[in-house]
Amino acid sequence: MANQVVWVDIVVADLERAVRFYSAVLGTPLATHELQGMTVAFLPSESGDVGGCLVTSEKEKPGAQGPLIYLNCNGRLEAAVAEVEKHGGKILKPAHSIAPHGNRAVILDSEGNRVALHSR
């Protein structure tokens, strides 16, 4: 088994705002899609890699107390962090070493979710 994590849903309150936030931070445009009666925005991934999406939910709410999800910002961590506050997020921990596993920054996204931006 190559990856223990196979998929992640990031619950958001405002899908359009979250799409703008993640498009800017990840440096690639995200688009919304209709999927089984709901609208989602898929996070960028290569075929067969771990994937995920932004999704709204009436039952679940965004928050900073759940698992910490690491998003790939390899080679562009500083650029990603520079977009966080411009797009309604907050930097909780600026970029720092997590040697020997690279570097990360911990942020709150535009919806209040705590996520890590990671670079090797």
N, C-alpha and C. Protein backbone atom coordinates (compact mmCIF):
# COMPACT_ATOMS: atom_id res chain seq x y z
N MET A 1 0.85 -1.18 0.00
CA MET A 1 0.00 0.00 0.00
C MET A 1 0.89 1.24 0.00
N ALA A 2 0.83 2.03 -1.06
CA ALA A 2 1.70 3.18 -1.21
C ALA A 2 1.32 4.34 -0.29
N ASN A 3 0.03 4.61 -0.16
CA ASN A 3 -0.43 5.74 0.64
C ASN A 3 -1.46 5.27 1.65
N GLN A 4 -1.28 5.64 2.90
CA GLN A 4 -2.27 5.32 3.91
C GLN A 4 -3.51 6.20 3.76
N VAL A 5 -3.30 7.47 3.42
CA VAL A 5 -4.41 8.37 3.18
C VAL A 5 -4.77 8.25 1.70
N VAL A 6 -6.05 8.05 1.39
CA VAL A 6 -6.45 7.90 0.00
C VAL A 6 -7.34 9.04 -0.49
N TRP A 7 -8.01 9.73 0.42
CA TRP A 7 -8.91 10.82 0.03
C TRP A 7 -9.15 11.70 1.24
N VAL A 8 -9.45 12.96 1.00
CA VAL A 8 -9.81 13.87 2.08
C VAL A 8 -10.88 14.83 1.59
N ASP A 9 -11.92 15.02 2.39
CA ASP A 9 -12.92 16.05 2.15
C ASP A 9 -12.59 17.20 3.09
N ILE A 10 -12.41 18.39 2.55
CA ILE A 10 -12.23 19.58 3.37
C ILE A 10 -13.57 20.32 3.37
N VAL A 11 -14.22 20.32 4.51
CA VAL A 11 -15.53 20.96 4.63
C VAL A 11 -15.35 22.47 4.66
N VAL A 12 -16.14 23.16 3.83
CA VAL A 12 -16.08 24.61 3.73
C VAL A 12 -17.47 25.20 3.90
N ALA A 13 -17.54 26.44 4.35
CA ALA A 13 -18.82 27.12 4.49
C ALA A 13 -19.24 27.79 3.18
N ASP A 14 -18.29 28.33 2.45
CA ASP A 14 -18.55 29.07 1.21
C ASP A 14 -17.65 28.50 0.13
N LEU A 15 -18.21 27.69 -0.74
CA LEU A 15 -17.40 26.98 -1.74
C LEU A 15 -16.68 27.93 -2.69
N GLU A 16 -17.34 28.97 -3.16
CA GLU A 16 -16.69 29.91 -4.08
C GLU A 16 -15.50 30.60 -3.43
N ARG A 17 -15.67 31.03 -2.18
CA ARG A 17 -14.57 31.68 -1.45
C ARG A 17 -13.42 30.70 -1.25
N ALA A 18 -13.74 29.46 -0.88
CA ALA A 18 -12.71 28.43 -0.66
C ALA A 18 -11.98 28.10 -1.95
N VAL A 19 -12.69 28.07 -3.08
CA VAL A 19 -12.04 27.82 -4.37
C VAL A 19 -11.05 28.93 -4.67
N ARG A 20 -11.42 30.18 -4.43
CA ARG A 20 -10.48 31.30 -4.66
C ARG A 20 -9.27 31.16 -3.75
N PHE A 21 -9.49 30.85 -2.47
CA PHE A 21 -8.41 30.70 -1.49
C PHE A 21 -7.44 29.59 -1.92
N TYR A 22 -7.95 28.38 -2.16
CA TYR A 22 -7.07 27.25 -2.48
C TYR A 22 -6.43 27.40 -3.86
N SER A 23 -7.12 28.02 -4.81
CA SER A 23 -6.50 28.27 -6.12
C SER A 23 -5.28 29.16 -5.96
N ALA A 24 -5.40 30.21 -5.14
CA ALA A 24 -4.28 31.13 -4.92
C ALA A 24 -3.15 30.47 -4.13
N VAL A 25 -3.49 29.79 -3.06
CA VAL A 25 -2.47 29.19 -2.19
C VAL A 25 -1.75 28.03 -2.88
N LEU A 26 -2.49 27.20 -3.60
CA LEU A 26 -1.87 26.05 -4.26
C LEU A 26 -1.28 26.40 -5.62
N GLY A 27 -1.58 27.60 -6.11
CA GLY A 27 -0.98 28.05 -7.36
C GLY A 27 -1.53 27.37 -8.60
N THR A 28 -2.75 26.88 -8.52
CA THR A 28 -3.39 26.23 -9.67
C THR A 28 -4.89 26.42 -9.56
N PRO A 29 -5.55 26.69 -10.67
CA PRO A 29 -6.99 26.95 -10.58
C PRO A 29 -7.78 25.69 -10.23
N LEU A 30 -8.72 25.85 -9.32
CA LEU A 30 -9.66 24.79 -8.98
C LEU A 30 -10.99 25.15 -9.61
N ALA A 31 -11.73 24.17 -10.02
CA ALA A 31 -13.04 24.39 -10.62
C ALA A 31 -14.07 23.56 -9.88
N THR A 32 -15.29 24.04 -9.87
CA THR A 32 -16.37 23.28 -9.23
C THR A 32 -16.96 22.28 -10.22
N HIS A 33 -17.50 21.20 -9.66
CA HIS A 33 -18.10 20.12 -10.45
C HIS A 33 -19.35 19.62 -9.73
N GLU A 34 -20.33 19.24 -10.49
CA GLU A 34 -21.52 18.60 -9.93
C GLU A 34 -21.22 17.11 -9.78
N LEU A 35 -21.49 16.57 -8.61
CA LEU A 35 -21.19 15.17 -8.33
C LEU A 35 -22.28 14.61 -7.44
N GLN A 36 -23.08 13.73 -7.95
CA GLN A 36 -24.14 13.06 -7.20
C GLN A 36 -25.01 14.06 -6.43
N GLY A 37 -25.45 15.10 -7.13
CA GLY A 37 -26.37 16.06 -6.54
C GLY A 37 -25.73 17.11 -5.65
N MET A 38 -24.42 17.18 -5.61
CA MET A 38 -23.76 18.22 -4.82
C MET A 38 -22.64 18.84 -5.63
N THR A 39 -22.25 20.04 -5.24
CA THR A 39 -21.17 20.74 -5.93
C THR A 39 -19.91 20.61 -5.09
N VAL A 40 -18.80 20.23 -5.72
CA VAL A 40 -17.51 20.07 -5.06
C VAL A 40 -16.44 20.72 -5.92
N ALA A 41 -15.28 20.92 -5.35
CA ALA A 41 -14.11 21.37 -6.10
C ALA A 41 -12.97 20.42 -5.76
N PHE A 42 -12.44 19.75 -6.78
CA PHE A 42 -11.37 18.78 -6.55
C PHE A 42 -10.04 19.48 -6.37
N LEU A 43 -9.25 18.98 -5.41
CA LEU A 43 -7.88 19.45 -5.23
C LEU A 43 -7.03 18.83 -6.33
N PRO A 44 -5.98 19.53 -6.77
CA PRO A 44 -5.13 18.96 -7.83
C PRO A 44 -4.45 17.67 -7.36
N SER A 45 -4.41 16.68 -8.23
CA SER A 45 -3.69 15.43 -7.93
C SER A 45 -3.38 14.73 -9.24
N GLU A 46 -2.38 13.89 -9.19
CA GLU A 46 -2.03 13.06 -10.33
C GLU A 46 -2.90 11.81 -10.29
N SER A 47 -3.15 11.24 -11.41
CA SER A 47 -3.96 10.03 -11.49
C SER A 47 -3.38 8.94 -10.58
N GLY A 48 -4.19 8.40 -9.72
CA GLY A 48 -3.75 7.34 -8.82
C GLY A 48 -3.16 7.82 -7.52
N ASP A 49 -2.88 9.14 -7.40
CA ASP A 49 -2.34 9.68 -6.15
C ASP A 49 -3.48 9.94 -5.16
N VAL A 50 -3.09 10.28 -3.96
CA VAL A 50 -4.05 10.70 -2.94
C VAL A 50 -4.77 11.94 -3.47
N GLY A 51 -6.06 12.02 -3.25
CA GLY A 51 -6.83 13.16 -3.73
C GLY A 51 -7.77 13.68 -2.67
N GLY A 52 -8.50 14.72 -3.05
CA GLY A 52 -9.46 15.29 -2.12
C GLY A 52 -10.28 16.37 -2.78
N CYS A 53 -11.21 16.89 -2.02
CA CYS A 53 -12.07 17.94 -2.56
C CYS A 53 -12.52 18.89 -1.46
N LEU A 54 -12.98 20.04 -1.90
CA LEU A 54 -13.64 21.01 -1.04
C LEU A 54 -15.13 20.71 -1.17
N VAL A 55 -15.84 20.70 -0.05
CA VAL A 55 -17.25 20.34 -0.07
C VAL A 55 -17.99 21.08 1.04
N THR A 56 -19.24 21.46 0.76
CA THR A 56 -20.09 22.04 1.80
C THR A 56 -20.93 20.92 2.41
N SER A 57 -21.38 21.14 3.63
CA SER A 57 -22.19 20.14 4.31
C SER A 57 -23.12 20.83 5.30
N GLU A 58 -24.36 20.37 5.35
CA GLU A 58 -25.29 20.91 6.34
C GLU A 58 -24.98 20.37 7.73
N LYS A 59 -24.43 19.17 7.82
CA LYS A 59 -24.16 18.54 9.11
C LYS A 59 -22.78 18.88 9.66
N GLU A 60 -21.76 18.93 8.79
CA GLU A 60 -20.40 19.17 9.23
C GLU A 60 -20.02 20.61 8.99
N LYS A 61 -19.21 21.14 9.87
CA LYS A 61 -18.77 22.54 9.77
C LYS A 61 -17.25 22.60 9.74
N PRO A 62 -16.69 23.62 9.06
CA PRO A 62 -15.24 23.80 9.08
C PRO A 62 -14.76 24.08 10.50
N GLY A 63 -13.52 23.74 10.78
CA GLY A 63 -12.99 24.01 12.11
C GLY A 63 -11.51 23.74 12.21
N ALA A 64 -10.93 24.26 13.29
CA ALA A 64 -9.48 24.16 13.49
C ALA A 64 -9.10 23.04 14.46
N GLN A 65 -10.02 22.17 14.82
CA GLN A 65 -9.73 21.16 15.83
C GLN A 65 -9.64 19.74 15.32
N GLY A 66 -9.74 19.54 14.02
CA GLY A 66 -9.70 18.19 13.46
C GLY A 66 -8.30 17.76 13.10
N PRO A 67 -8.19 16.68 12.34
CA PRO A 67 -6.88 16.21 11.89
C PRO A 67 -6.16 17.28 11.07
N LEU A 68 -4.85 17.27 11.10
CA LEU A 68 -4.06 18.22 10.33
C LEU A 68 -3.71 17.61 8.98
N ILE A 69 -4.25 18.19 7.92
CA ILE A 69 -4.04 17.71 6.57
C ILE A 69 -2.86 18.48 5.97
N TYR A 70 -1.92 17.77 5.36
CA TYR A 70 -0.76 18.38 4.71
C TYR A 70 -1.02 18.47 3.21
N LEU A 71 -0.91 19.69 2.66
CA LEU A 71 -1.09 19.90 1.23
C LEU A 71 0.27 20.16 0.59
N ASN A 72 0.47 19.61 -0.60
CA ASN A 72 1.74 19.70 -1.29
C ASN A 72 1.96 21.08 -1.89
N CYS A 73 2.95 21.78 -1.38
CA CYS A 73 3.39 23.07 -1.94
C CYS A 73 4.88 22.97 -2.24
N ASN A 74 5.30 21.80 -2.71
CA ASN A 74 6.71 21.53 -2.94
C ASN A 74 7.33 22.55 -3.89
N GLY A 75 8.42 23.17 -3.44
CA GLY A 75 9.14 24.13 -4.26
C GLY A 75 8.51 25.52 -4.30
N ARG A 76 7.38 25.72 -3.61
CA ARG A 76 6.72 27.02 -3.65
C ARG A 76 6.06 27.36 -2.31
N LEU A 77 6.64 26.86 -1.22
CA LEU A 77 6.07 27.09 0.10
C LEU A 77 5.96 28.58 0.42
N GLU A 78 7.01 29.35 0.17
CA GLU A 78 6.98 30.79 0.47
C GLU A 78 5.89 31.49 -0.33
N ALA A 79 5.75 31.14 -1.61
CA ALA A 79 4.72 31.75 -2.45
C ALA A 79 3.33 31.38 -1.94
N ALA A 80 3.16 30.13 -1.50
CA ALA A 80 1.86 29.70 -0.98
C ALA A 80 1.51 30.46 0.29
N VAL A 81 2.46 30.57 1.21
CA VAL A 81 2.22 31.29 2.46
C VAL A 81 1.90 32.75 2.18
N ALA A 82 2.53 33.34 1.18
CA ALA A 82 2.28 34.74 0.84
C ALA A 82 0.84 34.98 0.38
N GLU A 83 0.16 33.96 -0.09
CA GLU A 83 -1.22 34.09 -0.56
C GLU A 83 -2.26 33.91 0.54
N VAL A 84 -1.87 33.33 1.67
CA VAL A 84 -2.83 32.96 2.71
C VAL A 84 -3.64 34.15 3.20
N GLU A 85 -3.00 35.16 3.75
CA GLU A 85 -3.73 36.28 4.33
C GLU A 85 -4.42 37.14 3.27
N LYS A 86 -3.85 37.20 2.07
CA LYS A 86 -4.47 37.95 0.98
C LYS A 86 -5.85 37.40 0.62
N HIS A 87 -6.05 36.11 0.91
CA HIS A 87 -7.28 35.44 0.50
C HIS A 87 -8.11 34.99 1.70
N GLY A 88 -7.96 35.70 2.82
CA GLY A 88 -8.84 35.47 3.96
C GLY A 88 -8.42 34.41 4.94
N GLY A 89 -7.19 33.91 4.82
CA GLY A 89 -6.69 32.92 5.76
C GLY A 89 -5.84 33.57 6.84
N LYS A 90 -5.27 32.73 7.70
CA LYS A 90 -4.42 33.22 8.79
C LYS A 90 -3.24 32.27 8.94
N ILE A 91 -2.06 32.82 9.15
CA ILE A 91 -0.87 32.01 9.36
C ILE A 91 -0.75 31.71 10.85
N LEU A 92 -0.85 30.44 11.22
CA LEU A 92 -0.71 30.04 12.62
C LEU A 92 0.75 29.81 12.99
N LYS A 93 1.49 29.13 12.08
CA LYS A 93 2.93 28.90 12.26
C LYS A 93 3.58 29.17 10.92
N PRO A 94 4.46 30.17 10.84
CA PRO A 94 5.13 30.44 9.57
C PRO A 94 5.96 29.23 9.13
N ALA A 95 6.43 29.26 7.91
CA ALA A 95 7.23 28.16 7.38
C ALA A 95 8.39 27.84 8.34
N HIS A 96 8.55 26.55 8.63
CA HIS A 96 9.60 26.09 9.54
C HIS A 96 9.98 24.66 9.19
N SER A 97 11.16 24.27 9.63
CA SER A 97 11.69 22.94 9.34
C SER A 97 10.97 21.89 10.16
N ILE A 98 10.71 20.77 9.51
CA ILE A 98 10.28 19.56 10.21
C ILE A 98 11.23 18.43 9.78
N ALA A 99 12.53 18.77 9.81
CA ALA A 99 13.60 17.86 9.39
C ALA A 99 13.45 16.51 10.07
N PRO A 100 13.67 15.46 9.35
CA PRO A 100 14.20 15.35 7.99
C PRO A 100 13.11 15.30 6.92
N HIS A 101 11.90 15.77 7.23
CA HIS A 101 10.76 15.63 6.33
C HIS A 101 10.42 16.90 5.57
N GLY A 102 11.32 17.87 5.55
CA GLY A 102 11.09 19.09 4.78
C GLY A 102 10.68 20.26 5.65
N ASN A 103 9.79 21.07 5.12
CA ASN A 103 9.33 22.28 5.80
C ASN A 103 7.82 22.37 5.70
N ARG A 104 7.23 23.09 6.66
CA ARG A 104 5.79 23.29 6.61
C ARG A 104 5.43 24.63 7.21
N ALA A 105 4.25 25.10 6.86
CA ALA A 105 3.60 26.22 7.52
C ALA A 105 2.23 25.72 7.92
N VAL A 106 1.72 26.15 9.07
CA VAL A 106 0.38 25.76 9.50
C VAL A 106 -0.49 27.00 9.42
N ILE A 107 -1.63 26.85 8.76
CA ILE A 107 -2.51 27.99 8.50
C ILE A 107 -3.96 27.65 8.85
N LEU A 108 -4.78 28.69 8.93
CA LEU A 108 -6.23 28.52 8.87
C LEU A 108 -6.64 28.95 7.48
N ASP A 109 -7.45 28.15 6.81
CA ASP A 109 -7.90 28.53 5.47
C ASP A 109 -8.99 29.59 5.57
N SER A 110 -9.54 29.98 4.45
CA SER A 110 -10.58 31.01 4.42
C SER A 110 -11.85 30.59 5.13
N GLU A 111 -11.99 29.30 5.43
CA GLU A 111 -13.19 28.77 6.08
C GLU A 111 -12.99 28.46 7.55
N GLY A 112 -11.76 28.61 8.06
CA GLY A 112 -11.48 28.31 9.46
C GLY A 112 -10.89 26.94 9.71
N ASN A 113 -10.55 26.19 8.65
CA ASN A 113 -9.91 24.88 8.80
C ASN A 113 -8.41 25.04 8.98
N ARG A 114 -7.84 24.28 9.89
CA ARG A 114 -6.39 24.26 10.09
C ARG A 114 -5.81 23.26 9.10
N VAL A 115 -4.85 23.71 8.28
CA VAL A 115 -4.15 22.83 7.34
C VAL A 115 -2.67 23.16 7.34
N ALA A 116 -1.86 22.21 6.90
CA ALA A 116 -0.42 22.44 6.77
C ALA A 116 -0.07 22.53 5.30
N LEU A 117 0.79 23.47 4.96
CA LEU A 117 1.36 23.59 3.62
C LEU A 117 2.75 22.99 3.70
N HIS A 118 3.09 22.03 2.85
CA HIS A 118 4.31 21.24 2.99
C HIS A 118 5.20 21.33 1.76
N SER A 119 6.50 21.35 1.98
CA SER A 119 7.48 21.30 0.90
C SER A 119 8.66 20.44 1.35
N ARG A 120 9.17 19.60 0.46
CA ARG A 120 10.32 18.74 0.81
C ARG A 120 11.57 19.54 0.75
